N, C-alpha and C. Protein backbone atom coordinates (compact mmCIF):
# COMPACT_ATOMS: atom_id res chain seq x y z
N UNK A 1 -85.74 26.46 50.25
CA UNK A 1 -85.31 27.25 51.76
C UNK A 1 -86.27 27.51 52.67
N UNK A 2 -85.89 27.15 53.63
CA UNK A 2 -87.14 27.24 54.92
C UNK A 2 -86.29 28.86 55.99
N UNK A 3 -86.95 29.44 55.76
CA UNK A 3 -86.59 30.62 56.25
C UNK A 3 -87.71 31.06 57.66
N UNK A 4 -87.00 31.72 58.78
CA UNK A 4 -87.98 31.92 59.97
C UNK A 4 -88.70 32.90 59.76
N UNK A 5 -89.66 33.46 60.33
CA UNK A 5 -90.53 33.87 60.06
C UNK A 5 -90.65 35.14 61.68
N UNK A 6 -90.26 36.59 61.67
CA UNK A 6 -89.91 36.95 63.10
C UNK A 6 -90.69 38.08 63.01
N UNK A 7 -90.77 38.31 64.31
CA UNK A 7 -91.38 39.85 64.89
C UNK A 7 -90.94 40.82 64.35
N UNK A 8 -91.39 41.79 63.98
CA UNK A 8 -90.96 43.00 63.52
C UNK A 8 -91.85 44.22 63.85
N UNK A 9 -91.76 44.89 65.13
CA UNK A 9 -92.61 45.27 65.67
C UNK A 9 -94.26 45.21 66.24
N UNK A 10 -95.27 45.16 65.39
CA UNK A 10 -96.56 44.88 65.58
C UNK A 10 -96.41 43.84 64.45
N UNK A 11 -95.57 43.70 63.88
CA UNK A 11 -96.22 42.64 62.23
C UNK A 11 -95.17 41.88 62.69
N UNK A 12 -95.16 40.83 61.42
CA UNK A 12 -94.05 39.50 61.34
C UNK A 12 -93.17 39.88 59.71
N UNK A 13 -92.18 39.13 59.99
CA UNK A 13 -91.80 39.20 58.42
C UNK A 13 -90.80 38.37 58.52
N UNK A 14 -90.37 38.37 57.11
CA UNK A 14 -88.84 36.96 57.20
C UNK A 14 -87.86 37.77 56.17
N UNK A 15 -86.77 37.52 56.51
CA UNK A 15 -85.50 37.96 55.80
C UNK A 15 -85.26 37.69 54.51
N UNK A 16 -85.37 38.42 53.41
CA UNK A 16 -84.58 37.16 51.57
C UNK A 16 -83.75 37.86 51.23
N UNK A 17 -82.43 36.51 51.41
CA UNK A 17 -81.06 37.26 51.39
C UNK A 17 -80.85 37.93 49.61
N UNK A 18 -80.72 39.11 50.09
CA UNK A 18 -80.11 40.22 48.69
C UNK A 18 -79.66 39.05 47.20
N UNK A 19 -78.95 38.27 47.26
CA UNK A 19 -78.91 37.81 46.05
C UNK A 19 -80.33 37.00 45.31
N UNK A 20 -80.50 36.72 46.22
CA UNK A 20 -82.40 36.52 45.82
C UNK A 20 -83.01 37.42 45.40
N UNK A 21 -83.20 38.69 45.95
CA UNK A 21 -83.79 39.79 45.41
C UNK A 21 -83.16 40.03 44.13
N UNK A 22 -81.91 40.35 44.14
CA UNK A 22 -81.03 40.83 42.91
C UNK A 22 -81.61 40.10 41.57
N UNK A 23 -81.83 38.53 41.88
CA UNK A 23 -82.19 37.24 40.58
C UNK A 23 -83.33 37.81 40.12
N UNK A 24 -84.23 38.20 41.11
CA UNK A 24 -85.66 38.20 40.21
C UNK A 24 -85.91 40.00 39.94
N UNK A 25 -84.93 40.77 40.25
CA UNK A 25 -84.92 42.23 39.92
C UNK A 25 -85.90 42.80 41.19
N UNK A 26 -85.58 42.67 42.28
CA UNK A 26 -86.53 43.92 43.41
C UNK A 26 -85.63 44.18 43.94
N UNK A 27 -85.85 45.93 44.15
CA UNK A 27 -84.47 46.77 44.86
C UNK A 27 -85.19 47.15 46.02
N UNK A 28 -86.61 48.32 45.53
CA UNK A 28 -86.80 48.87 46.60
C UNK A 28 -88.21 49.30 47.01
N UNK A 29 -88.97 48.57 45.86
CA UNK A 29 -90.45 48.54 45.49
C UNK A 29 -91.07 47.11 45.05
N UNK A 30 -91.79 46.74 46.02
CA UNK A 30 -92.41 45.35 45.28
C UNK A 30 -93.74 45.58 45.67
N UNK A 31 -94.46 44.87 44.41
CA UNK A 31 -96.26 44.48 44.68
C UNK A 31 -96.13 42.82 45.20
N UNK A 32 -97.14 42.94 46.64
CA UNK A 32 -97.14 41.74 47.59
C UNK A 32 -98.61 41.77 47.47
N UNK A 33 -98.87 40.32 47.28
CA UNK A 33 -100.58 39.58 47.32
C UNK A 33 -100.63 38.30 47.67
N UNK A 34 -101.85 38.01 47.70
CA UNK A 34 -101.86 36.25 47.94
C UNK A 34 -103.06 35.90 47.14
N UNK A 35 -102.41 35.15 46.42
CA UNK A 35 -103.32 34.46 45.48
C UNK A 35 -102.96 32.60 45.82
N UNK A 36 -104.74 32.11 45.97
CA UNK A 36 -104.53 30.56 46.43
C UNK A 36 -103.69 30.30 47.41
N UNK A 37 -104.04 30.81 48.48
CA UNK A 37 -102.95 30.66 49.67
C UNK A 37 -101.41 30.93 49.38
N UNK A 38 -100.92 31.82 48.35
CA UNK A 38 -99.40 31.85 48.39
C UNK A 38 -99.11 33.25 48.49
N UNK A 39 -98.39 33.43 49.03
CA UNK A 39 -97.72 35.10 49.03
C UNK A 39 -97.20 35.35 47.83
N UNK A 40 -97.07 35.88 47.07
CA UNK A 40 -96.53 36.59 45.95
C UNK A 40 -95.56 37.58 45.52
N UNK A 41 -94.67 37.91 45.31
CA UNK A 41 -93.78 38.99 45.58
C UNK A 41 -93.33 39.20 44.01
N UNK A 42 -93.34 40.32 43.75
CA UNK A 42 -93.22 40.53 42.19
C UNK A 42 -92.68 41.94 42.25
N UNK A 43 -91.74 42.25 41.24
CA UNK A 43 -91.23 43.79 41.16
C UNK A 43 -92.07 44.48 40.76
N UNK A 44 -92.71 45.99 41.33
CA UNK A 44 -93.51 46.86 40.84
C UNK A 44 -93.03 47.46 39.83
N UNK A 45 -94.50 47.11 39.15
CA UNK A 45 -94.22 48.03 37.67
C UNK A 45 -94.04 49.71 37.88
N UNK A 46 -93.43 50.01 37.24
CA UNK A 46 -93.57 51.10 36.66
C UNK A 46 -93.56 52.19 35.65
N UNK A 47 -94.00 53.09 35.92
CA UNK A 47 -93.81 54.24 34.02
C UNK A 47 -92.63 54.34 33.71
N UNK A 48 -91.97 53.72 32.68
CA UNK A 48 -91.21 53.81 32.08
C UNK A 48 -90.37 55.27 31.46
N UNK A 49 -91.52 56.13 31.89
CA UNK A 49 -90.67 57.55 31.58
C UNK A 49 -90.95 58.51 32.34
N UNK A 50 -91.31 57.65 34.18
CA UNK A 50 -91.12 58.40 35.24
C UNK A 50 -90.44 59.32 35.31
N UNK A 51 -90.17 60.33 35.43
CA UNK A 51 -89.32 61.23 35.84
C UNK A 51 -88.67 62.10 34.59
N UNK A 52 -89.58 61.70 33.17
CA UNK A 52 -89.17 62.47 32.10
C UNK A 52 -89.28 63.91 32.29
N UNK A 53 -90.34 64.47 32.62
CA UNK A 53 -91.45 65.82 32.51
C UNK A 53 -90.04 66.66 33.61
N UNK A 54 -89.90 66.09 34.50
CA UNK A 54 -89.20 66.57 35.07
C UNK A 54 -87.21 67.00 34.90
N UNK A 55 -87.15 65.97 34.43
CA UNK A 55 -86.01 66.03 33.37
C UNK A 55 -85.93 67.06 32.34
N UNK A 56 -86.51 66.98 31.39
CA UNK A 56 -86.98 67.87 30.55
C UNK A 56 -86.69 69.34 30.99
N UNK A 57 -88.07 69.49 32.10
CA UNK A 57 -87.41 70.73 32.43
C UNK A 57 -86.58 71.49 33.30
N UNK A 58 -85.85 70.71 34.14
CA UNK A 58 -84.35 71.21 34.45
C UNK A 58 -83.77 71.08 33.12
N UNK A 59 -83.55 70.43 31.95
CA UNK A 59 -82.41 70.61 31.19
C UNK A 59 -83.01 72.19 30.34
N UNK A 60 -84.14 72.36 30.04
CA UNK A 60 -84.85 73.22 29.53
C UNK A 60 -84.41 74.58 30.30
N UNK A 61 -84.40 74.61 31.65
CA UNK A 61 -83.97 75.60 32.27
C UNK A 61 -82.39 75.91 32.22
N UNK A 62 -81.53 74.80 32.08
CA UNK A 62 -80.19 75.08 31.95
C UNK A 62 -79.83 75.39 30.26
N UNK A 63 -80.89 75.35 29.72
CA UNK A 63 -80.51 75.79 28.54
C UNK A 63 -79.90 75.11 27.70
N UNK A 64 -80.08 73.82 27.94
CA UNK A 64 -79.32 72.41 27.18
C UNK A 64 -79.86 71.91 26.36
N UNK A 65 -81.32 72.25 25.57
CA UNK A 65 -81.99 72.05 25.02
C UNK A 65 -82.13 72.10 23.72
N UNK A 66 -80.90 72.61 23.06
CA UNK A 66 -80.91 73.24 21.59
C UNK A 66 -80.60 71.91 20.64
N UNK A 67 -81.05 71.87 19.50
CA UNK A 67 -80.97 70.98 18.48
C UNK A 67 -79.20 70.61 18.24
N UNK A 68 -79.39 69.26 18.23
CA UNK A 68 -77.91 68.79 18.21
C UNK A 68 -76.81 69.05 16.81
N UNK A 69 -77.98 68.85 15.66
CA UNK A 69 -77.65 68.88 14.26
C UNK A 69 -78.61 69.68 13.75
N UNK A 70 -78.06 71.40 13.82
CA UNK A 70 -79.35 71.84 13.37
C UNK A 70 -79.61 72.09 12.24
N UNK A 71 -78.19 71.76 11.56
CA UNK A 71 -78.38 71.89 9.99
C UNK A 71 -78.33 70.79 9.08
N UNK A 72 -78.38 69.26 10.19
CA UNK A 72 -79.04 68.22 9.43
C UNK A 72 -80.37 68.36 8.63
N UNK A 73 -80.25 67.72 7.25
CA UNK A 73 -81.32 67.24 6.50
C UNK A 73 -81.06 66.13 5.24
N UNK A 74 -81.92 65.94 5.17
CA UNK A 74 -82.17 64.76 4.04
C UNK A 74 -82.04 65.49 2.56
N UNK A 75 -81.75 64.60 1.60
CA UNK A 75 -81.63 65.69 0.33
C UNK A 75 -83.29 65.44 -0.50
N UNK A 76 -83.45 66.86 -0.49
CA UNK A 76 -84.88 67.22 -0.53
C UNK A 76 -85.63 67.85 0.08
N UNK A 77 -85.07 67.95 1.14
CA UNK A 77 -85.84 68.71 2.37
C UNK A 77 -86.34 70.07 2.11
N UNK A 78 -85.58 70.78 1.41
CA UNK A 78 -85.58 72.10 1.08
C UNK A 78 -86.94 72.29 0.18
N UNK A 79 -87.41 71.20 -0.52
CA UNK A 79 -88.87 71.41 -1.55
C UNK A 79 -89.71 71.25 -0.60
N UNK A 80 -89.58 70.93 0.49
CA UNK A 80 -90.74 70.71 1.25
C UNK A 80 -91.06 71.90 1.80
N UNK A 81 -92.65 72.35 2.33
CA UNK A 81 -93.09 73.29 2.78
C UNK A 81 -93.52 72.89 4.56
N UNK A 82 -92.24 73.41 5.36
CA UNK A 82 -92.89 72.85 6.55
C UNK A 82 -93.67 73.92 7.63
């Protein structure tokens, strides 16, 4: 597919069709680099646990962090010294 290079402010760019971005998993952030004269665009690597600390703090503040099965145990657990 040929695309036109367009002037965007002091830079230049191309428009990438939305279905093409979705096909490779690009949404709001991407890694861009030049490799052997080829411009490469890859989905940005994200920390899979990003935001967990903030979410767990919010859950704790809401008092919604209790045990789901507080009485749940395995046979013989009473014999173990925790």
